Amino acid sequence: MTDDAAVPELRASDADRERVAEVLRDALAEGRLDMEEFEERLEATYKARTYGELTPITRDLPAAGVTPPPPVSLVKEPVPSGSWTGRVVGGEGASSWAVAVMSGFQRKGRWTVPKVFNCFAFWGGGEIDLREANFADHEVEINCVAIMGGVNIIVPPGVEVVVRGIGIMGGFDHSEEGVPGEPGAPRVIVNGFAFWGGVGIERKLTREERRRLKEERRQEKLDRKGAHPLGEGFADHRRMLEEHREWRRDLHEERRERHEERRERQRERRDRRRGEY
């Protein structure tokens, strides 16, 4: 393994700078730094280009006698699977614009959202699905113009959403605003204009995540069955009621998933037909 002291000239990544910034935020919250020192060091952190520039920023933190937080490693380590750190990848993005004129467009699956994404829909519709996407920056901006058409934006849980668009005889969906983001998660800003059209924003899990949660509920149900032997009258009756409620919830969830899948297939067929004309 490469020794940290031997690599001061290696280029630091966004993840390295973010780990240093997290140490500084903890130090500010604990009173180790005042606001002026925090701002100076934070500015130096985001300007740093090499490990040698990052190392002195937290050298005197934490104070002696206090159990220190994990040191900032200057050796690249594997990113935990599914973490937000692994999804903020930098770069230019896979696609920076989309247009639907009497047709439709989709951006979904494994794609990289650029810092600024522009889209336009006229007598058509578009879908921007961020659930499996990577992000070029911790803050991305989506500019939507919908005229007698619509754009639907799907974000995963944990992402902060800010809506700044306006609508005339149309509307922008503000229902997902105000939900705090998870640590390290990107921030999505939606700007634009809707005239006789609309921009909708919804927060949804991926199909794989829904199936995983469903399997976890099923396993919990099986575990509860094993915890209540038959013959314990009241406990057994309560278990039956809980199983009935869960069965109804699962049935409702399955119907909703099938309905969403049908809608997605219909939307894809409609978009393909529009593209043929």
Foldseek 3Di string as FASTA:
>chain_A
DDDLVVWQPAFDDPVLLVVLLVQLVVCCVVVVDDPVLSVVLNVQSVVDTGNNSSVVSCVCPDDPPDDGDDDRDRDDDDDPPPDLVVQQDADAWDAAEEEAALFEEEDDDETEAGQEHEYEYHVEEYEYECQHYGYNHLEHEYEYEYELYEYEYEAEPQEAEAEDEDEDCEEEDPVRHPRHHDVSHHYYYYYYYYYNYYYHYYYDHDPVVVVVVLVVVVVVLVVLCVVDDPPPPVSVVVSVVVVVVVVVVVVVVVVVVVVVVVVVVVSVVRNVVSVVD
